[in-house]
N, C-alpha and C. Protein backbone atom coordinates (compact mmCIF):
# COMPACT_ATOMS: atom_id res chain seq x y z
N MET A 1 8.03 18.13 -16.99
CA MET A 1 7.56 17.68 -15.70
C MET A 1 6.49 16.61 -15.91
N SER A 2 6.63 15.49 -15.21
CA SER A 2 5.66 14.41 -15.38
C SER A 2 4.44 14.66 -14.51
N ALA A 3 3.38 13.94 -14.79
CA ALA A 3 2.14 14.07 -14.03
C ALA A 3 2.37 13.63 -12.58
N MET A 4 1.61 14.20 -11.67
CA MET A 4 1.73 13.84 -10.26
C MET A 4 1.36 12.37 -10.07
N ARG A 5 2.15 11.69 -9.27
CA ARG A 5 1.91 10.29 -8.95
C ARG A 5 0.99 10.20 -7.74
N PRO A 6 0.20 9.13 -7.63
CA PRO A 6 -0.69 8.98 -6.49
C PRO A 6 0.08 8.76 -5.18
N PHE A 7 -0.37 9.38 -4.14
CA PHE A 7 0.16 9.16 -2.80
C PHE A 7 -0.49 7.91 -2.25
N HIS A 8 0.22 7.19 -1.37
CA HIS A 8 -0.32 6.00 -0.72
C HIS A 8 -0.29 6.22 0.78
N LEU A 9 -1.42 6.01 1.43
CA LEU A 9 -1.52 6.14 2.88
C LEU A 9 -2.30 4.96 3.42
N ALA A 10 -1.75 4.30 4.44
CA ALA A 10 -2.45 3.20 5.11
C ALA A 10 -2.80 3.66 6.51
N ILE A 11 -4.05 3.43 6.88
CA ILE A 11 -4.52 3.87 8.19
C ILE A 11 -5.13 2.70 8.94
N PRO A 12 -5.02 2.69 10.27
CA PRO A 12 -5.68 1.65 11.05
C PRO A 12 -7.16 2.00 11.22
N VAL A 13 -8.02 1.00 11.13
CA VAL A 13 -9.45 1.19 11.37
C VAL A 13 -9.94 0.08 12.31
N ARG A 14 -11.00 0.37 13.04
CA ARG A 14 -11.55 -0.61 13.99
C ARG A 14 -12.51 -1.58 13.34
N ASP A 15 -13.12 -1.16 12.22
CA ASP A 15 -14.16 -1.99 11.60
C ASP A 15 -14.16 -1.72 10.09
N LEU A 16 -14.03 -2.78 9.30
CA LEU A 16 -13.98 -2.60 7.85
C LEU A 16 -15.34 -2.22 7.26
N ALA A 17 -16.42 -2.77 7.80
CA ALA A 17 -17.74 -2.49 7.25
C ALA A 17 -18.10 -1.01 7.39
N SER A 18 -17.88 -0.44 8.57
CA SER A 18 -18.20 0.97 8.75
C SER A 18 -17.22 1.86 7.98
N SER A 19 -15.98 1.40 7.84
CA SER A 19 -15.01 2.16 7.04
C SER A 19 -15.42 2.17 5.57
N LYS A 20 -15.87 1.02 5.07
CA LYS A 20 -16.33 0.93 3.69
C LYS A 20 -17.55 1.82 3.48
N GLN A 21 -18.46 1.81 4.44
CA GLN A 21 -19.65 2.66 4.33
C GLN A 21 -19.24 4.14 4.29
N PHE A 22 -18.31 4.54 5.13
CA PHE A 22 -17.88 5.93 5.18
C PHE A 22 -17.15 6.34 3.90
N TYR A 23 -16.10 5.61 3.54
CA TYR A 23 -15.27 6.01 2.40
C TYR A 23 -15.96 5.77 1.06
N ALA A 24 -16.62 4.64 0.91
CA ALA A 24 -17.25 4.32 -0.38
C ALA A 24 -18.63 4.98 -0.51
N ASP A 25 -19.50 4.71 0.45
CA ASP A 25 -20.88 5.18 0.32
C ASP A 25 -21.02 6.67 0.59
N LEU A 26 -20.41 7.16 1.65
CA LEU A 26 -20.57 8.56 2.02
C LEU A 26 -19.68 9.48 1.17
N LEU A 27 -18.39 9.15 1.07
CA LEU A 27 -17.47 10.03 0.33
C LEU A 27 -17.41 9.72 -1.16
N GLY A 28 -17.90 8.56 -1.57
CA GLY A 28 -17.92 8.22 -2.99
C GLY A 28 -16.62 7.65 -3.53
N CYS A 29 -15.75 7.16 -2.65
CA CYS A 29 -14.49 6.55 -3.09
C CYS A 29 -14.76 5.15 -3.64
N SER A 30 -14.23 4.86 -4.81
CA SER A 30 -14.40 3.50 -5.33
C SER A 30 -13.53 2.54 -4.54
N VAL A 31 -13.99 1.29 -4.47
CA VAL A 31 -13.29 0.25 -3.72
C VAL A 31 -12.41 -0.53 -4.68
N GLY A 32 -11.16 -0.76 -4.26
CA GLY A 32 -10.23 -1.57 -5.03
C GLY A 32 -10.14 -2.96 -4.43
N ARG A 33 -8.92 -3.48 -4.37
CA ARG A 33 -8.71 -4.81 -3.80
C ARG A 33 -9.05 -4.78 -2.32
N GLN A 34 -9.46 -5.95 -1.80
CA GLN A 34 -9.77 -6.03 -0.38
C GLN A 34 -9.58 -7.45 0.11
N SER A 35 -9.41 -7.57 1.40
CA SER A 35 -9.29 -8.86 2.05
C SER A 35 -10.07 -8.78 3.36
N PRO A 36 -10.09 -9.83 4.15
CA PRO A 36 -10.77 -9.73 5.45
C PRO A 36 -10.08 -8.76 6.42
N HIS A 37 -8.86 -8.29 6.06
CA HIS A 37 -8.09 -7.44 6.96
C HIS A 37 -7.83 -6.03 6.45
N TRP A 38 -8.12 -5.74 5.18
CA TRP A 38 -7.85 -4.42 4.62
C TRP A 38 -8.68 -4.16 3.38
N ILE A 39 -8.84 -2.86 3.04
CA ILE A 39 -9.56 -2.43 1.84
C ILE A 39 -8.79 -1.27 1.21
N ASP A 40 -8.61 -1.31 -0.10
CA ASP A 40 -8.04 -0.18 -0.85
C ASP A 40 -9.17 0.70 -1.36
N PHE A 41 -9.00 2.02 -1.22
CA PHE A 41 -9.95 2.99 -1.75
C PHE A 41 -9.24 3.94 -2.70
N ASN A 42 -9.97 4.39 -3.73
CA ASN A 42 -9.50 5.47 -4.59
C ASN A 42 -9.94 6.76 -3.91
N PHE A 43 -9.04 7.35 -3.14
CA PHE A 43 -9.33 8.53 -2.34
C PHE A 43 -8.95 9.76 -3.16
N PHE A 44 -9.86 10.14 -4.06
CA PHE A 44 -9.67 11.33 -4.90
C PHE A 44 -8.36 11.26 -5.69
N GLY A 45 -8.11 10.09 -6.26
CA GLY A 45 -6.94 9.89 -7.08
C GLY A 45 -5.72 9.38 -6.34
N HIS A 46 -5.85 9.20 -5.04
CA HIS A 46 -4.74 8.68 -4.23
C HIS A 46 -5.17 7.34 -3.63
N GLN A 47 -4.19 6.51 -3.27
CA GLN A 47 -4.49 5.18 -2.77
C GLN A 47 -4.52 5.19 -1.24
N LEU A 48 -5.69 4.99 -0.68
CA LEU A 48 -5.89 4.92 0.77
C LEU A 48 -6.22 3.48 1.11
N THR A 49 -5.45 2.89 2.03
CA THR A 49 -5.70 1.52 2.46
C THR A 49 -6.10 1.52 3.92
N ALA A 50 -7.28 0.99 4.20
CA ALA A 50 -7.77 0.87 5.57
C ALA A 50 -7.43 -0.53 6.06
N HIS A 51 -6.56 -0.61 7.09
CA HIS A 51 -6.14 -1.88 7.68
C HIS A 51 -6.86 -2.08 9.00
N LEU A 52 -7.47 -3.24 9.16
CA LEU A 52 -8.13 -3.58 10.41
C LEU A 52 -7.09 -3.68 11.52
N ALA A 53 -7.29 -2.93 12.61
CA ALA A 53 -6.37 -2.97 13.74
C ALA A 53 -7.15 -2.63 15.00
N ASP A 54 -7.20 -3.57 15.91
CA ASP A 54 -7.84 -3.31 17.19
C ASP A 54 -6.96 -3.89 18.29
N ASP A 55 -7.44 -3.88 19.50
CA ASP A 55 -6.63 -4.32 20.63
C ASP A 55 -6.23 -5.79 20.53
N GLN A 56 -7.02 -6.61 19.81
CA GLN A 56 -6.69 -8.03 19.70
C GLN A 56 -5.77 -8.34 18.53
N ARG A 57 -5.64 -7.40 17.61
CA ARG A 57 -4.86 -7.67 16.41
C ARG A 57 -3.48 -7.03 16.52
N PRO A 58 -2.49 -7.65 15.94
CA PRO A 58 -1.14 -7.07 15.97
C PRO A 58 -1.06 -5.81 15.10
N ALA A 59 0.04 -5.15 15.18
CA ALA A 59 0.25 -3.92 14.41
C ALA A 59 0.66 -4.21 12.97
N THR A 60 0.51 -5.46 12.54
CA THR A 60 0.77 -5.83 11.15
C THR A 60 -0.40 -6.65 10.63
N ASN A 61 -0.53 -6.69 9.33
CA ASN A 61 -1.51 -7.55 8.67
C ASN A 61 -0.79 -8.39 7.63
N ASP A 62 -1.26 -9.60 7.44
CA ASP A 62 -0.71 -10.46 6.41
C ASP A 62 -1.23 -9.99 5.05
N VAL A 63 -0.30 -9.60 4.17
CA VAL A 63 -0.64 -9.19 2.82
C VAL A 63 0.27 -9.96 1.88
N ASP A 64 -0.31 -10.87 1.13
CA ASP A 64 0.43 -11.68 0.17
C ASP A 64 1.64 -12.36 0.82
N GLY A 65 1.43 -12.88 2.03
CA GLY A 65 2.47 -13.64 2.72
C GLY A 65 3.50 -12.82 3.47
N LYS A 66 3.35 -11.51 3.54
CA LYS A 66 4.28 -10.63 4.26
C LYS A 66 3.53 -9.92 5.39
N GLN A 67 4.22 -9.65 6.48
CA GLN A 67 3.63 -8.92 7.61
C GLN A 67 3.83 -7.43 7.38
N VAL A 68 2.79 -6.77 6.89
CA VAL A 68 2.82 -5.36 6.52
C VAL A 68 2.43 -4.51 7.73
N PRO A 69 3.25 -3.50 8.08
CA PRO A 69 2.87 -2.62 9.18
C PRO A 69 1.53 -1.94 8.86
N VAL A 70 0.60 -1.96 9.82
CA VAL A 70 -0.71 -1.35 9.58
C VAL A 70 -0.54 0.15 9.32
N ARG A 71 0.15 0.86 10.18
CA ARG A 71 0.32 2.30 10.00
C ARG A 71 1.56 2.53 9.15
N HIS A 72 1.33 2.97 7.93
CA HIS A 72 2.43 3.32 7.04
C HIS A 72 1.93 4.28 5.97
N PHE A 73 2.87 4.94 5.31
CA PHE A 73 2.53 5.80 4.18
C PHE A 73 3.61 5.61 3.15
N GLY A 74 3.37 6.15 1.96
CA GLY A 74 4.37 5.96 0.93
C GLY A 74 3.99 6.62 -0.36
N MET A 75 4.63 6.13 -1.41
CA MET A 75 4.48 6.74 -2.72
C MET A 75 4.37 5.66 -3.78
N VAL A 76 3.54 5.93 -4.76
CA VAL A 76 3.45 5.08 -5.94
C VAL A 76 4.37 5.69 -6.99
N LEU A 77 5.48 5.02 -7.23
CA LEU A 77 6.49 5.52 -8.17
C LEU A 77 6.27 4.91 -9.55
N GLU A 78 6.95 5.47 -10.53
CA GLU A 78 7.00 4.83 -11.85
C GLU A 78 7.87 3.60 -11.73
N TRP A 79 7.64 2.61 -12.60
CA TRP A 79 8.31 1.31 -12.51
C TRP A 79 9.83 1.44 -12.43
N GLN A 80 10.44 2.15 -13.35
CA GLN A 80 11.90 2.27 -13.34
C GLN A 80 12.38 3.09 -12.16
N GLN A 81 11.64 4.10 -11.79
CA GLN A 81 11.99 4.93 -10.63
C GLN A 81 12.03 4.07 -9.35
N TRP A 82 11.08 3.15 -9.22
CA TRP A 82 11.06 2.25 -8.06
C TRP A 82 12.32 1.38 -8.05
N HIS A 83 12.66 0.81 -9.21
CA HIS A 83 13.84 -0.05 -9.29
C HIS A 83 15.11 0.73 -9.00
N ASP A 84 15.21 1.95 -9.48
CA ASP A 84 16.39 2.78 -9.22
C ASP A 84 16.52 3.07 -7.72
N LEU A 85 15.42 3.40 -7.06
CA LEU A 85 15.46 3.68 -5.62
C LEU A 85 15.82 2.41 -4.85
N ALA A 86 15.22 1.28 -5.19
CA ALA A 86 15.54 0.02 -4.51
C ALA A 86 17.02 -0.30 -4.66
N ASP A 87 17.58 -0.12 -5.86
CA ASP A 87 19.00 -0.38 -6.08
C ASP A 87 19.87 0.55 -5.24
N ARG A 88 19.50 1.83 -5.17
CA ARG A 88 20.28 2.80 -4.39
C ARG A 88 20.25 2.42 -2.90
N LEU A 89 19.10 2.00 -2.41
CA LEU A 89 18.99 1.62 -1.00
C LEU A 89 19.75 0.32 -0.71
N ARG A 90 19.77 -0.59 -1.67
CA ARG A 90 20.58 -1.82 -1.51
C ARG A 90 22.06 -1.46 -1.38
N GLN A 91 22.52 -0.51 -2.18
CA GLN A 91 23.94 -0.11 -2.17
C GLN A 91 24.36 0.46 -0.82
N VAL A 92 23.47 1.15 -0.14
CA VAL A 92 23.82 1.71 1.17
C VAL A 92 23.42 0.76 2.30
N GLU A 93 22.99 -0.45 1.94
CA GLU A 93 22.64 -1.50 2.88
C GLU A 93 21.62 -1.04 3.91
N VAL A 94 20.54 -0.43 3.40
CA VAL A 94 19.44 0.00 4.27
C VAL A 94 18.85 -1.21 4.97
N GLN A 95 18.30 -1.00 6.16
CA GLN A 95 17.60 -2.07 6.86
C GLN A 95 16.16 -2.11 6.38
N TRP A 96 15.78 -3.22 5.77
CA TRP A 96 14.44 -3.37 5.20
C TRP A 96 13.46 -3.83 6.28
N LEU A 97 12.27 -3.27 6.27
CA LEU A 97 11.18 -3.88 7.03
C LEU A 97 10.62 -5.03 6.21
N ILE A 98 10.45 -4.80 4.91
CA ILE A 98 10.10 -5.84 3.94
C ILE A 98 10.95 -5.57 2.70
N GLU A 99 11.74 -6.54 2.31
CA GLU A 99 12.66 -6.37 1.18
C GLU A 99 11.91 -6.18 -0.13
N PRO A 100 12.57 -5.55 -1.10
CA PRO A 100 11.95 -5.35 -2.40
C PRO A 100 11.51 -6.67 -3.03
N GLY A 101 10.32 -6.64 -3.60
CA GLY A 101 9.79 -7.82 -4.25
C GLY A 101 8.51 -7.49 -4.99
N ILE A 102 7.97 -8.51 -5.63
CA ILE A 102 6.73 -8.38 -6.38
C ILE A 102 5.60 -8.99 -5.56
N ARG A 103 4.55 -8.21 -5.36
CA ARG A 103 3.38 -8.65 -4.61
C ARG A 103 2.24 -8.89 -5.60
N PHE A 104 1.42 -9.88 -5.32
CA PHE A 104 0.27 -10.24 -6.16
C PHE A 104 0.71 -10.59 -7.59
N ALA A 105 1.80 -11.33 -7.71
CA ALA A 105 2.33 -11.70 -9.02
C ALA A 105 1.27 -12.39 -9.87
N ASP A 106 1.15 -11.95 -11.10
CA ASP A 106 0.20 -12.49 -12.07
C ASP A 106 -1.26 -12.37 -11.62
N GLN A 107 -1.54 -11.40 -10.73
CA GLN A 107 -2.90 -11.15 -10.26
C GLN A 107 -3.26 -9.69 -10.50
N THR A 108 -4.53 -9.38 -10.29
CA THR A 108 -4.96 -8.00 -10.35
C THR A 108 -4.16 -7.19 -9.33
N GLY A 109 -3.63 -6.06 -9.73
CA GLY A 109 -2.88 -5.21 -8.82
C GLY A 109 -1.45 -5.62 -8.59
N GLU A 110 -0.87 -6.44 -9.50
CA GLU A 110 0.53 -6.84 -9.34
C GLU A 110 1.39 -5.59 -9.17
N GLN A 111 2.30 -5.64 -8.20
CA GLN A 111 3.09 -4.45 -7.90
C GLN A 111 4.45 -4.82 -7.33
N ALA A 112 5.40 -3.93 -7.56
CA ALA A 112 6.70 -4.01 -6.91
C ALA A 112 6.58 -3.20 -5.63
N THR A 113 7.13 -3.69 -4.53
CA THR A 113 6.98 -2.98 -3.26
C THR A 113 8.14 -3.27 -2.32
N PHE A 114 8.42 -2.34 -1.44
CA PHE A 114 9.31 -2.57 -0.31
C PHE A 114 8.95 -1.60 0.80
N PHE A 115 9.36 -1.97 2.02
CA PHE A 115 9.11 -1.15 3.21
C PHE A 115 10.42 -0.85 3.91
N ILE A 116 10.57 0.40 4.34
CA ILE A 116 11.69 0.82 5.18
C ILE A 116 11.09 1.67 6.30
N SER A 117 11.91 2.06 7.26
CA SER A 117 11.43 2.99 8.28
C SER A 117 12.36 4.18 8.36
N ASP A 118 11.80 5.30 8.77
CA ASP A 118 12.62 6.50 8.96
C ASP A 118 13.28 6.42 10.34
N PRO A 119 14.16 7.37 10.67
CA PRO A 119 14.86 7.31 11.96
C PRO A 119 13.94 7.33 13.18
N SER A 120 12.70 7.80 13.02
CA SER A 120 11.75 7.82 14.13
C SER A 120 10.89 6.58 14.19
N GLY A 121 11.10 5.62 13.28
CA GLY A 121 10.35 4.38 13.29
C GLY A 121 9.07 4.40 12.48
N ASN A 122 8.82 5.47 11.69
CA ASN A 122 7.65 5.51 10.82
C ASN A 122 7.89 4.61 9.61
N ALA A 123 6.93 3.73 9.34
CA ALA A 123 7.05 2.80 8.22
C ALA A 123 6.65 3.49 6.91
N LEU A 124 7.47 3.31 5.89
CA LEU A 124 7.21 3.85 4.56
C LEU A 124 7.18 2.72 3.56
N GLU A 125 6.21 2.77 2.65
CA GLU A 125 6.13 1.80 1.56
C GLU A 125 6.32 2.53 0.25
N PHE A 126 7.17 1.98 -0.60
CA PHE A 126 7.33 2.48 -1.96
C PHE A 126 6.90 1.36 -2.88
N LYS A 127 6.01 1.70 -3.82
CA LYS A 127 5.46 0.69 -4.72
C LYS A 127 5.41 1.22 -6.13
N ALA A 128 5.28 0.31 -7.08
CA ALA A 128 5.14 0.66 -8.49
C ALA A 128 4.32 -0.42 -9.17
N PHE A 129 3.57 0.00 -10.15
CA PHE A 129 2.75 -0.92 -10.94
C PHE A 129 3.27 -0.90 -12.37
N LYS A 130 3.42 -2.05 -12.98
CA LYS A 130 3.78 -2.09 -14.40
C LYS A 130 2.70 -1.41 -15.22
N ASP A 131 1.46 -1.58 -14.77
CA ASP A 131 0.29 -1.00 -15.43
C ASP A 131 -0.46 -0.20 -14.39
N ASP A 132 -0.46 1.13 -14.53
CA ASP A 132 -1.09 1.98 -13.52
C ASP A 132 -2.59 1.74 -13.35
N SER A 133 -3.22 1.05 -14.29
CA SER A 133 -4.64 0.75 -14.10
C SER A 133 -4.83 -0.21 -12.91
N GLY A 134 -3.75 -0.86 -12.46
CA GLY A 134 -3.81 -1.75 -11.31
C GLY A 134 -3.83 -1.03 -9.97
N ILE A 135 -3.55 0.27 -9.97
CA ILE A 135 -3.50 1.01 -8.70
C ILE A 135 -4.82 0.90 -7.95
N PHE A 136 -5.92 1.07 -8.65
CA PHE A 136 -7.23 1.04 -8.01
C PHE A 136 -8.07 -0.16 -8.47
N ALA A 137 -7.41 -1.15 -9.03
CA ALA A 137 -8.13 -2.34 -9.54
C ALA A 137 -8.67 -3.17 -8.39
N HIS A 138 -9.62 -4.00 -8.70
CA HIS A 138 -10.15 -4.94 -7.72
C HIS A 138 -10.45 -6.25 -8.42
N ASP A 139 -10.48 -7.30 -7.60
CA ASP A 139 -10.84 -8.62 -8.13
C ASP A 139 -12.35 -8.69 -8.22
N ASP A 140 -12.85 -9.15 -9.36
CA ASP A 140 -14.30 -9.26 -9.52
C ASP A 140 -14.84 -10.55 -8.96
């Protein structure tokens, strides 16, 4: 049996500064990559992403040139496991929210990712890192 993989959860937040204060300062979660619209936290070994979402902002955020649904959850898979799942979903012609691809190529946190939705419309992201140290990495 392999070690447990980190869970990934993205949540909408009204304010990044207060979210950073709560998760980083109060709970002690280290901060990973961040942008003006989202922050990654190491939430006790799992990847929690706080996406800015308020009444003026759409339900997606621009992440590396793709419109990522703010509310989504998913799994960090092993590299080959991600490719196997993406291939299986291609074979059944799943409807992609965001097609499989590489995000942050040649940057900190480079990852393979894709988005699909379940029958109820919940967005799921499946991602993999060639180097798991990139899961909670940040740009200095």
